[in-house]
Amino acid sequence: MKVNKTKETKEFFEITSISRDDIKGHFAEKGIKINVEKISDDEMTWIARKMADNYCNCCYWNSLENLVNSCSYYKNEKMSKMRNRIK
Protein backbone atom coordinates (compact mmCIF):
# COMPACT_ATOMS: atom_id res chain seq x y z
CA MET A 1 0.00 0.00 0.00
CA LYS A 2 1.37 3.40 -0.98
CA VAL A 3 1.32 6.06 1.74
CA ASN A 4 1.04 9.73 0.86
CA LYS A 5 3.81 11.30 2.95
CA THR A 6 3.14 14.84 1.73
CA LYS A 7 -0.24 15.00 3.41
CA GLU A 8 -0.22 15.34 7.19
CA THR A 9 -2.72 13.16 9.01
CA LYS A 10 -4.78 14.55 11.83
CA GLU A 11 -4.79 12.97 15.29
CA PHE A 12 -8.20 14.20 16.43
CA PHE A 13 -11.44 15.14 14.71
CA GLU A 14 -14.06 17.35 16.30
CA ILE A 15 -17.42 15.70 16.79
CA THR A 16 -19.67 18.55 17.86
CA SER A 17 -20.00 21.72 19.85
CA ILE A 18 -22.73 23.60 21.65
CA SER A 19 -23.50 27.31 21.49
CA ARG A 20 -25.98 29.66 23.04
CA ASP A 21 -27.60 29.97 19.61
CA ASP A 22 -28.10 26.17 19.58
CA ILE A 23 -29.94 26.40 22.89
CA LYS A 24 -31.97 29.42 21.80
CA GLY A 25 -32.94 27.73 18.52
CA HIS A 26 -33.88 24.45 20.20
CA PHE A 27 -36.19 26.11 22.69
CA ALA A 28 -37.62 28.45 20.02
CA GLU A 29 -38.70 25.40 18.01
CA LYS A 30 -40.71 24.37 21.07
CA GLY A 31 -42.24 27.86 21.38
CA ILE A 32 -40.17 28.71 24.45
CA LYS A 33 -38.31 32.02 24.59
CA ILE A 34 -35.09 31.80 26.59
CA ASN A 35 -32.53 34.54 27.28
CA VAL A 36 -29.37 32.55 26.59
CA GLU A 37 -27.15 35.55 27.37
CA LYS A 38 -27.93 34.92 31.03
CA ILE A 39 -26.31 31.47 30.86
CA SER A 40 -22.75 31.94 32.12
CA ASP A 41 -19.68 30.52 30.41
CA ASP A 42 -19.22 28.19 33.39
CA GLU A 43 -22.78 26.93 32.94
CA MET A 44 -22.21 26.48 29.18
CA THR A 45 -19.05 24.49 29.96
CA TRP A 46 -21.03 22.36 32.41
CA ILE A 47 -23.82 21.78 29.85
CA ALA A 48 -21.28 20.82 27.18
CA ARG A 49 -19.50 18.43 29.54
CA LYS A 50 -22.76 16.79 30.60
CA MET A 51 -23.89 16.45 26.99
CA ALA A 52 -20.57 14.81 26.08
CA ASP A 53 -20.92 12.43 29.05
CA ASN A 54 -24.48 11.56 28.04
CA TYR A 55 -23.44 10.97 24.44
CA CYS A 56 -20.52 8.75 25.43
CA ASN A 57 -22.66 6.78 27.89
CA CYS A 58 -25.61 6.49 25.52
CA CYS A 59 -24.66 5.76 21.98
CA TYR A 60 -21.13 6.93 21.14
CA TRP A 61 -19.50 3.50 20.88
CA ASN A 62 -22.38 1.91 18.98
CA SER A 63 -22.46 4.82 16.56
CA LEU A 64 -18.70 4.65 16.14
CA GLU A 65 -18.80 0.93 15.35
CA ASN A 66 -21.67 1.32 12.88
CA LEU A 67 -20.01 4.20 11.08
CA VAL A 68 -16.64 2.45 10.86
CA ASN A 69 -18.44 -0.60 9.48
CA SER A 70 -19.80 1.58 6.69
CA CYS A 71 -16.38 2.98 5.70
CA SER A 72 -14.92 1.66 2.46
CA TYR A 73 -11.62 0.86 4.20
CA TYR A 74 -13.32 -1.41 6.71
CA LYS A 75 -15.45 -3.08 4.05
CA ASN A 76 -12.35 -3.75 1.92
CA GLU A 77 -10.43 -5.17 4.91
CA LYS A 78 -13.37 -7.36 5.88
CA MET A 79 -13.77 -8.67 2.32
CA SER A 80 -10.02 -9.32 2.08
CA LYS A 81 -10.06 -11.36 5.29
CA MET A 82 -13.09 -13.30 4.07
CA ARG A 83 -11.33 -14.07 0.76
CA ASN A 84 -8.23 -15.25 2.61
CA ARG A 85 -10.32 -17.65 4.72
CA ILE A 86 -11.90 -19.16 1.61
CA LYS A 87 -8.51 -19.90 -0.03
PDB file of N, CA and C in Angstrom:
ATOM      1  N   MET A   1       0.837  -1.179   0.000  1.00  0.00           N
ATOM      2  CA  MET A   1       0.000   0.000   0.000  1.00  0.00           C
ATOM      3  C   MET A   1       0.880   1.239   0.000  1.00  0.00           C
ATOM      4  N   LYS A   2       0.601   2.175  -0.873  1.00  0.00           N
ATOM      5  CA  LYS A   2       1.367   3.403  -0.983  1.00  0.00           C
ATOM      6  C   LYS A   2       0.822   4.441  -0.007  1.00  0.00           C
ATOM      7  N   VAL A   3       1.715   5.054   0.755  1.00  0.00           N
ATOM      8  CA  VAL A   3       1.318   6.056   1.740  1.00  0.00           C
ATOM      9  C   VAL A   3       1.710   7.430   1.227  1.00  0.00           C
ATOM     10  N   ASN A   4       0.789   8.360   1.290  1.00  0.00           N
ATOM     11  CA  ASN A   4       1.045   9.731   0.861  1.00  0.00           C
ATOM     12  C   ASN A   4       1.738  10.468   1.998  1.00  0.00           C
ATOM     13  N   LYS A   5       3.036  10.685   1.873  1.00  0.00           N
ATOM     14  CA  LYS A   5       3.813  11.304   2.945  1.00  0.00           C
ATOM     15  C   LYS A   5       3.749  12.826   2.893  1.00  0.00           C
ATOM     16  N   THR A   6       3.220  13.388   1.817  1.00  0.00           N
ATOM     17  CA  THR A   6       3.144  14.844   1.732  1.00  0.00           C
ATOM     18  C   THR A   6       1.928  15.385   2.470  1.00  0.00           C
ATOM     19  N   LYS A   7       0.971  14.565   2.715  1.00  0.00           N
ATOM     20  CA  LYS A   7      -0.241  15.003   3.409  1.00  0.00           C
ATOM     21  C   LYS A   7      -0.152  14.610   4.880  1.00  0.00           C
ATOM     22  N   GLU A   8      -0.278  15.592   5.742  1.00  0.00           N
ATOM     23  CA  GLU A   8      -0.219  15.342   7.185  1.00  0.00           C
ATOM     24  C   GLU A   8      -1.553  14.769   7.651  1.00  0.00           C
ATOM     25  N   THR A   9      -1.486  13.736   8.470  1.00  0.00           N
ATOM     26  CA  THR A   9      -2.721  13.163   9.006  1.00  0.00           C
ATOM     27  C   THR A   9      -3.045  13.819  10.340  1.00  0.00           C
ATOM     28  N   LYS A  10      -4.326  13.936  10.594  1.00  0.00           N
ATOM     29  CA  LYS A  10      -4.785  14.550  11.834  1.00  0.00           C
ATOM     30  C   LYS A  10      -4.894  13.480  12.911  1.00  0.00           C
ATOM     31  N   GLU A  11      -4.667  13.876  14.146  1.00  0.00           N
ATOM     32  CA  GLU A  11      -4.789  12.973  15.289  1.00  0.00           C
ATOM     33  C   GLU A  11      -6.215  12.931  15.819  1.00  0.00           C
ATOM     34  N   PHE A  12      -6.872  14.091  15.840  1.00  0.00           N
ATOM     35  CA  PHE A  12      -8.200  14.201  16.431  1.00  0.00           C
ATOM     36  C   PHE A  12      -9.143  14.896  15.462  1.00  0.00           C
ATOM     37  N   PHE A  13     -10.410  14.529  15.537  1.00  0.00           N
ATOM     38  CA  PHE A  13     -11.437  15.138  14.706  1.00  0.00           C
ATOM     39  C   PHE A  13     -12.587  15.570  15.608  1.00  0.00           C
ATOM     40  N   GLU A  14     -12.997  16.808  15.462  1.00  0.00           N
ATOM     41  CA  GLU A  14     -14.056  17.353  16.299  1.00  0.00           C
ATOM     42  C   GLU A  14     -15.382  16.682  15.968  1.00  0.00           C
ATOM     43  N   ILE A  15     -16.118  16.339  16.992  1.00  0.00           N
ATOM     44  CA  ILE A  15     -17.419  15.702  16.790  1.00  0.00           C
ATOM     45  C   ILE A  15     -18.521  16.749  16.767  1.00  0.00           C
ATOM     46  N   THR A  16     -18.588  17.570  17.789  1.00  0.00           N
ATOM     47  CA  THR A  16     -19.666  18.553  17.860  1.00  0.00           C
ATOM     48  C   THR A  16     -19.312  19.655  18.846  1.00  0.00           C
ATOM     49  N   SER A  17     -20.146  20.632  18.883  1.00  0.00           N
ATOM     50  CA  SER A  17     -19.997  21.721  19.852  1.00  0.00           C
ATOM     51  C   SER A  17     -21.392  22.194  20.225  1.00  0.00           C
ATOM     52  N   ILE A  18     -21.456  23.033  21.214  1.00  0.00           N
ATOM     53  CA  ILE A  18     -22.735  23.603  21.650  1.00  0.00           C
ATOM     54  C   ILE A  18     -22.552  25.112  21.778  1.00  0.00           C
ATOM     55  N   SER A  19     -23.560  25.846  21.362  1.00  0.00           N
ATOM     56  CA  SER A  19     -23.504  27.306  21.486  1.00  0.00           C
ATOM     57  C   SER A  19     -24.805  27.818  22.099  1.00  0.00           C
ATOM     58  N   ARG A  20     -24.761  29.047  22.507  1.00  0.00           N
ATOM     59  CA  ARG A  20     -25.981  29.657  23.039  1.00  0.00           C
ATOM     60  C   ARG A  20     -27.060  29.714  21.961  1.00  0.00           C
ATOM     61  N   ASP A  21     -26.640  29.948  20.715  1.00  0.00           N
ATOM     62  CA  ASP A  21     -27.600  29.968  19.609  1.00  0.00           C
ATOM     63  C   ASP A  21     -28.268  28.599  19.426  1.00  0.00           C
ATOM     64  N   ASP A  22     -27.516  27.517  19.654  1.00  0.00           N
ATOM     65  CA  ASP A  22     -28.103  26.174  19.584  1.00  0.00           C
ATOM     66  C   ASP A  22     -29.228  26.038  20.601  1.00  0.00           C
ATOM     67  N   ILE A  23     -28.947  26.498  21.811  1.00  0.00           N
ATOM     68  CA  ILE A  23     -29.937  26.402  22.893  1.00  0.00           C
ATOM     69  C   ILE A  23     -31.154  27.268  22.560  1.00  0.00           C
ATOM     70  N   LYS A  24     -30.888  28.490  22.137  1.00  0.00           N
ATOM     71  CA  LYS A  24     -31.967  29.422  21.799  1.00  0.00           C
ATOM     72  C   LYS A  24     -32.842  28.835  20.682  1.00  0.00           C
ATOM     73  N   GLY A  25     -32.208  28.307  19.645  1.00  0.00           N
ATOM     74  CA  GLY A  25     -32.941  27.730  18.523  1.00  0.00           C
ATOM     75  C   GLY A  25     -33.756  26.514  18.921  1.00  0.00           C
ATOM     76  N   HIS A  26     -33.180  25.662  19.755  1.00  0.00           N
ATOM     77  CA  HIS A  26     -33.878  24.453  20.198  1.00  0.00           C
ATOM     78  C   HIS A  26     -35.150  24.808  20.958  1.00  0.00           C
ATOM     79  N   PHE A  27     -35.027  25.726  21.907  1.00  0.00           N
ATOM     80  CA  PHE A  27     -36.192  26.108  22.691  1.00  0.00           C
ATOM     81  C   PHE A  27     -37.203  26.896  21.854  1.00  0.00           C
ATOM     82  N   ALA A  28     -36.710  27.693  20.897  1.00  0.00           N
ATOM     83  CA  ALA A  28     -37.617  28.451  20.018  1.00  0.00           C
ATOM     84  C   ALA A  28     -38.492  27.511  19.203  1.00  0.00           C
ATOM     85  N   GLU A  29     -37.920  26.392  18.757  1.00  0.00           N
ATOM     86  CA  GLU A  29     -38.703  25.401  18.006  1.00  0.00           C
ATOM     87  C   GLU A  29     -39.839  24.832  18.851  1.00  0.00           C
ATOM     88  N   LYS A  30     -39.670  24.859  20.153  1.00  0.00           N
ATOM     89  CA  LYS A  30     -40.707  24.366  21.068  1.00  0.00           C
ATOM     90  C   LYS A  30     -41.628  25.492  21.550  1.00  0.00           C
ATOM     91  N   GLY A  31     -41.417  26.710  21.004  1.00  0.00           N
ATOM     92  CA  GLY A  31     -42.238  27.856  21.384  1.00  0.00           C
ATOM     93  C   GLY A  31     -41.846  28.473  22.705  1.00  0.00           C
ATOM     94  N   ILE A  32     -40.636  28.193  23.167  1.00  0.00           N
ATOM     95  CA  ILE A  32     -40.172  28.712  24.454  1.00  0.00           C
ATOM     96  C   ILE A  32     -39.092  29.760  24.201  1.00  0.00           C
ATOM     97  N   LYS A  33     -39.311  30.961  24.723  1.00  0.00           N
ATOM     98  CA  LYS A  33     -38.310  32.022  24.586  1.00  0.00           C
ATOM     99  C   LYS A  33     -37.377  31.946  25.785  1.00  0.00           C
ATOM    100  N   ILE A  34     -36.077  31.901  25.510  1.00  0.00           N
ATOM    101  CA  ILE A  34     -35.090  31.804  26.588  1.00  0.00           C
ATOM    102  C   ILE A  34     -33.985  32.832  26.337  1.00  0.00           C
ATOM    103  N   ASN A  35     -33.593  33.537  27.381  1.00  0.00           N
ATOM    104  CA  ASN A  35     -32.529  34.535  27.277  1.00  0.00           C
ATOM    105  C   ASN A  35     -31.194  33.835  27.531  1.00  0.00           C
ATOM    106  N   VAL A  36     -30.590  33.353  26.457  1.00  0.00           N
ATOM    107  CA  VAL A  36     -29.365  32.555  26.594  1.00  0.00           C
ATOM    108  C   VAL A  36     -28.172  33.385  27.052  1.00  0.00           C
ATOM    109  N   GLU A  37     -28.257  34.713  26.919  1.00  0.00           N
ATOM    110  CA  GLU A  37     -27.151  35.554  27.367  1.00  0.00           C
ATOM    111  C   GLU A  37     -26.973  35.480  28.877  1.00  0.00           C
ATOM    112  N   LYS A  38     -28.012  35.043  29.574  1.00  0.00           N
ATOM    113  CA  LYS A  38     -27.933  34.922  31.034  1.00  0.00           C
ATOM    114  C   LYS A  38     -27.289  33.608  31.476  1.00  0.00           C
ATOM    115  N   ILE A  39     -27.016  32.720  30.534  1.00  0.00           N
ATOM    116  CA  ILE A  39     -26.315  31.471  30.864  1.00  0.00           C
ATOM    117  C   ILE A  39     -24.820  31.784  30.858  1.00  0.00           C
ATOM    118  N   SER A  40     -24.174  31.579  31.991  1.00  0.00           N
ATOM    119  CA  SER A  40     -22.750  31.937  32.120  1.00  0.00           C
ATOM    120  C   SER A  40     -21.870  30.972  31.318  1.00  0.00           C
ATOM    121  N   ASP A  41     -20.639  31.399  31.079  1.00  0.00           N
ATOM    122  CA  ASP A  41     -19.679  30.524  30.408  1.00  0.00           C
ATOM    123  C   ASP A  41     -19.442  29.249  31.215  1.00  0.00           C
ATOM    124  N   ASP A  42     -19.393  29.378  32.541  1.00  0.00           N
ATOM    125  CA  ASP A  42     -19.220  28.190  33.387  1.00  0.00           C
ATOM    126  C   ASP A  42     -20.392  27.228  33.220  1.00  0.00           C
ATOM    127  N   GLU A  43     -21.607  27.780  33.150  1.00  0.00           N
ATOM    128  CA  GLU A  43     -22.776  26.928  32.940  1.00  0.00           C
ATOM    129  C   GLU A  43     -22.757  26.287  31.554  1.00  0.00           C
ATOM    130  N   MET A  44     -22.321  27.040  30.539  1.00  0.00           N
ATOM    131  CA  MET A  44     -22.214  26.485  29.180  1.00  0.00           C
ATOM    132  C   MET A  44     -21.184  25.351  29.161  1.00  0.00           C
ATOM    133  N   THR A  45     -20.074  25.544  29.863  1.00  0.00           N
ATOM    134  CA  THR A  45     -19.055  24.491  29.959  1.00  0.00           C
ATOM    135  C   THR A  45     -19.633  23.263  30.637  1.00  0.00           C
ATOM    136  N   TRP A  46     -20.401  23.467  31.700  1.00  0.00           N
ATOM    137  CA  TRP A  46     -21.029  22.357  32.409  1.00  0.00           C
ATOM    138  C   TRP A  46     -22.019  21.622  31.503  1.00  0.00           C
ATOM    139  N   ILE A  47     -22.848  22.385  30.779  1.00  0.00           N
ATOM    140  CA  ILE A  47     -23.816  21.783  29.846  1.00  0.00           C
ATOM    141  C   ILE A  47     -23.081  20.964  28.793  1.00  0.00           C
ATOM    142  N   ALA A  48     -22.041  21.524  28.213  1.00  0.00           N
ATOM    143  CA  ALA A  48     -21.280  20.817  27.176  1.00  0.00           C
ATOM    144  C   ALA A  48     -20.663  19.536  27.726  1.00  0.00           C
ATOM    145  N   ARG A  49     -20.111  19.610  28.921  1.00  0.00           N
ATOM    146  CA  ARG A  49     -19.497  18.433  29.541  1.00  0.00           C
ATOM    147  C   ARG A  49     -20.541  17.343  29.794  1.00  0.00           C
ATOM    148  N   LYS A  50     -21.686  17.748  30.315  1.00  0.00           N
ATOM    149  CA  LYS A  50     -22.760  16.786  30.595  1.00  0.00           C
ATOM    150  C   LYS A  50     -23.301  16.171  29.305  1.00  0.00           C
ATOM    151  N   MET A  51     -23.424  16.988  28.264  1.00  0.00           N
ATOM    152  CA  MET A  51     -23.888  16.452  26.985  1.00  0.00           C
ATOM    153  C   MET A  51     -22.887  15.447  26.423  1.00  0.00           C
ATOM    154  N   ALA A  52     -21.602  15.740  26.546  1.00  0.00           N
ATOM    155  CA  ALA A  52     -20.574  14.807  26.084  1.00  0.00           C
ATOM    156  C   ALA A  52     -20.630  13.509  26.883  1.00  0.00           C
ATOM    157  N   ASP A  53     -20.795  13.624  28.203  1.00  0.00           N
ATOM    158  CA  ASP A  53     -20.923  12.426  29.051  1.00  0.00           C
ATOM    159  C   ASP A  53     -22.131  11.593  28.636  1.00  0.00           C
ATOM    160  N   ASN A  54     -23.268  12.270  28.439  1.00  0.00           N
ATOM    161  CA  ASN A  54     -24.483  11.560  28.037  1.00  0.00           C
ATOM    162  C   ASN A  54     -24.296  10.864  26.699  1.00  0.00           C
ATOM    163  N   TYR A  55     -23.667  11.550  25.760  1.00  0.00           N
ATOM    164  CA  TYR A  55     -23.441  10.972  24.439  1.00  0.00           C
ATOM    165  C   TYR A  55     -22.540   9.750  24.530  1.00  0.00           C
ATOM    166  N   CYS A  56     -21.450   9.873  25.288  1.00  0.00           N
ATOM    167  CA  CYS A  56     -20.515   8.747  25.429  1.00  0.00           C
ATOM    168  C   CYS A  56     -21.167   7.571  26.144  1.00  0.00           C
ATOM    169  N   ASN A  57     -22.002   7.846  27.140  1.00  0.00           N
ATOM    170  CA  ASN A  57     -22.662   6.781  27.892  1.00  0.00           C
ATOM    171  C   ASN A  57     -23.834   6.181  27.129  1.00  0.00           C
ATOM    172  N   CYS A  58     -24.392   6.933  26.210  1.00  0.00           N
ATOM    173  CA  CYS A  58     -25.609   6.494  25.524  1.00  0.00           C
ATOM    174  C   CYS A  58     -25.320   5.727  24.241  1.00  0.00           C
ATOM    175  N   CYS A  59     -24.720   6.388  23.302  1.00  0.00           N
ATOM    176  CA  CYS A  59     -24.660   5.756  21.980  1.00  0.00           C
ATOM    177  C   CYS A  59     -23.349   5.976  21.226  1.00  0.00           C
ATOM    178  N   TYR A  60     -22.373   6.603  21.828  1.00  0.00           N
ATOM    179  CA  TYR A  60     -21.133   6.926  21.136  1.00  0.00           C
ATOM    180  C   TYR A  60     -20.468   5.692  20.531  1.00  0.00           C
ATOM    181  N   TRP A  61     -20.250   4.665  21.348  1.00  0.00           N
ATOM    182  CA  TRP A  61     -19.496   3.502  20.877  1.00  0.00           C
ATOM    183  C   TRP A  61     -20.263   2.707  19.841  1.00  0.00           C
ATOM    184  N   ASN A  62     -21.579   2.591  20.003  1.00  0.00           N
ATOM    185  CA  ASN A  62     -22.383   1.909  18.983  1.00  0.00           C
ATOM    186  C   ASN A  62     -22.373   2.682  17.674  1.00  0.00           C
ATOM    187  N   SER A  63     -22.509   3.988  17.766  1.00  0.00           N
ATOM    188  CA  SER A  63     -22.462   4.822  16.560  1.00  0.00           C
ATOM    189  C   SER A  63     -21.106   4.710  15.889  1.00  0.00           C
ATOM    190  N   LEU A  64     -20.042   4.758  16.688  1.00  0.00           N
ATOM    191  CA  LEU A  64     -18.696   4.652  16.145  1.00  0.00           C
ATOM    192  C   LEU A  64     -18.526   3.339  15.377  1.00  0.00           C
ATOM    193  N   GLU A  65     -18.938   2.233  15.988  1.00  0.00           N
ATOM    194  CA  GLU A  65     -18.800   0.930  15.346  1.00  0.00           C
ATOM    195  C   GLU A  65     -19.608   0.869  14.045  1.00  0.00           C
ATOM    196  N   ASN A  66     -20.834   1.346  14.082  1.00  0.00           N
ATOM    197  CA  ASN A  66     -21.668   1.318  12.879  1.00  0.00           C
ATOM    198  C   ASN A  66     -21.089   2.166  11.761  1.00  0.00           C
ATOM    199  N   LEU A  67     -20.575   3.330  12.105  1.00  0.00           N
ATOM    200  CA  LEU A  67     -20.008   4.203  11.082  1.00  0.00           C
ATOM    201  C   LEU A  67     -18.715   3.647  10.508  1.00  0.00           C
ATOM    202  N   VAL A  68     -17.873   3.068  11.364  1.00  0.00           N
ATOM    203  CA  VAL A  68     -16.638   2.449  10.863  1.00  0.00           C
ATOM    204  C   VAL A  68     -16.985   1.283   9.937  1.00  0.00           C
ATOM    205  N   ASN A  69     -18.006   0.515  10.321  1.00  0.00           N
ATOM    206  CA  ASN A  69     -18.438  -0.604   9.482  1.00  0.00           C
ATOM    207  C   ASN A  69     -18.883  -0.147   8.102  1.00  0.00           C
ATOM    208  N   SER A  70     -19.337   1.083   7.980  1.00  0.00           N
ATOM    209  CA  SER A  70     -19.801   1.578   6.685  1.00  0.00           C
ATOM    210  C   SER A  70     -18.690   2.222   5.859  1.00  0.00           C
ATOM    211  N   CYS A  71     -17.511   2.388   6.436  1.00  0.00           N
ATOM    212  CA  CYS A  71     -16.382   2.975   5.703  1.00  0.00           C
ATOM    213  C   CYS A  71     -15.842   1.992   4.666  1.00  0.00           C
ATOM    214  N   SER A  72     -15.436   2.520   3.529  1.00  0.00           N
ATOM    215  CA  SER A  72     -14.920   1.656   2.462  1.00  0.00           C
ATOM    216  C   SER A  72     -13.667   0.910   2.916  1.00  0.00           C
ATOM    217  N   TYR A  73     -12.821   1.537   3.711  1.00  0.00           N
ATOM    218  CA  TYR A  73     -11.618   0.863   4.197  1.00  0.00           C
ATOM    219  C   TYR A  73     -11.986  -0.405   4.957  1.00  0.00           C
ATOM    220  N   TYR A  74     -12.924  -0.272   5.886  1.00  0.00           N
ATOM    221  CA  TYR A  74     -13.320  -1.408   6.708  1.00  0.00           C
ATOM    222  C   TYR A  74     -13.947  -2.493   5.848  1.00  0.00           C
ATOM    223  N   LYS A  75     -14.805  -2.098   4.931  1.00  0.00           N
ATOM    224  CA  LYS A  75     -15.451  -3.077   4.046  1.00  0.00           C
ATOM    225  C   LYS A  75     -14.400  -3.828   3.234  1.00  0.00           C
ATOM    226  N   ASN A  76     -13.410  -3.112   2.710  1.00  0.00           N
ATOM    227  CA  ASN A  76     -12.347  -3.746   1.921  1.00  0.00           C
ATOM    228  C   ASN A  76     -11.520  -4.703   2.776  1.00  0.00           C
ATOM    229  N   GLU A  77     -11.193  -4.318   4.001  1.00  0.00           N
ATOM    230  CA  GLU A  77     -10.435  -5.175   4.907  1.00  0.00           C
ATOM    231  C   GLU A  77     -11.229  -6.430   5.250  1.00  0.00           C
ATOM    232  N   LYS A  78     -12.510  -6.252   5.524  1.00  0.00           N
ATOM    233  CA  LYS A  78     -13.375  -7.363   5.877  1.00  0.00           C
ATOM    234  C   LYS A  78     -13.482  -8.342   4.706  1.00  0.00           C
ATOM    235  N   MET A  79     -13.664  -7.819   3.506  1.00  0.00           N
ATOM    236  CA  MET A  79     -13.766  -8.672   2.319  1.00  0.00           C
ATOM    237  C   MET A  79     -12.444  -9.396   2.074  1.00  0.00           C
ATOM    238  N   SER A  80     -11.331  -8.705   2.265  1.00  0.00           N
ATOM    239  CA  SER A  80     -10.015  -9.318   2.076  1.00  0.00           C
ATOM    240  C   SER A  80      -9.813 -10.479   3.043  1.00  0.00           C
ATOM    241  N   LYS A  81     -10.197 -10.291   4.299  1.00  0.00           N
ATOM    242  CA  LYS A  81     -10.062 -11.363   5.289  1.00  0.00           C
ATOM    243  C   LYS A  81     -10.965 -12.534   4.946  1.00  0.00           C
ATOM    244  N   MET A  82     -12.170 -12.231   4.452  1.00  0.00           N
ATOM    245  CA  MET A  82     -13.088 -13.303   4.075  1.00  0.00           C
ATOM    246  C   MET A  82     -12.522 -14.094   2.895  1.00  0.00           C
ATOM    247  N   ARG A  83     -11.930 -13.385   1.912  1.00  0.00           N
ATOM    248  CA  ARG A  83     -11.333 -14.071   0.764  1.00  0.00           C
ATOM    249  C   ARG A  83     -10.173 -14.948   1.184  1.00  0.00           C
ATOM    250  N   ASN A  84      -9.386 -14.466   2.134  1.00  0.00           N
ATOM    251  CA  ASN A  84      -8.230 -15.252   2.606  1.00  0.00           C
ATOM    252  C   ASN A  84      -8.691 -16.518   3.345  1.00  0.00           C
ATOM    253  N   ARG A  85      -9.798 -16.465   4.024  1.00  0.00           N
ATOM    254  CA  ARG A  85     -10.316 -17.650   4.717  1.00  0.00           C
ATOM    255  C   ARG A  85     -10.815 -18.692   3.736  1.00  0.00           C
ATOM    256  N   ILE A  86     -11.353 -18.245   2.597  1.00  0.00           N
ATOM    257  CA  ILE A  86     -11.896 -19.163   1.605  1.00  0.00           C
ATOM    258  C   ILE A  86     -10.775 -19.914   0.888  1.00  0.00           C
ATOM    259  N   LYS A  87      -9.634 -19.289   0.702  1.00  0.00           N
ATOM    260  CA  LYS A  87      -8.509 -19.898  -0.032  1.00  0.00           C
ATOM    261  C   LYS A  87      -7.989 -21.130   0.601  1.00  0.00           C
TER     262      LYS A  87
END
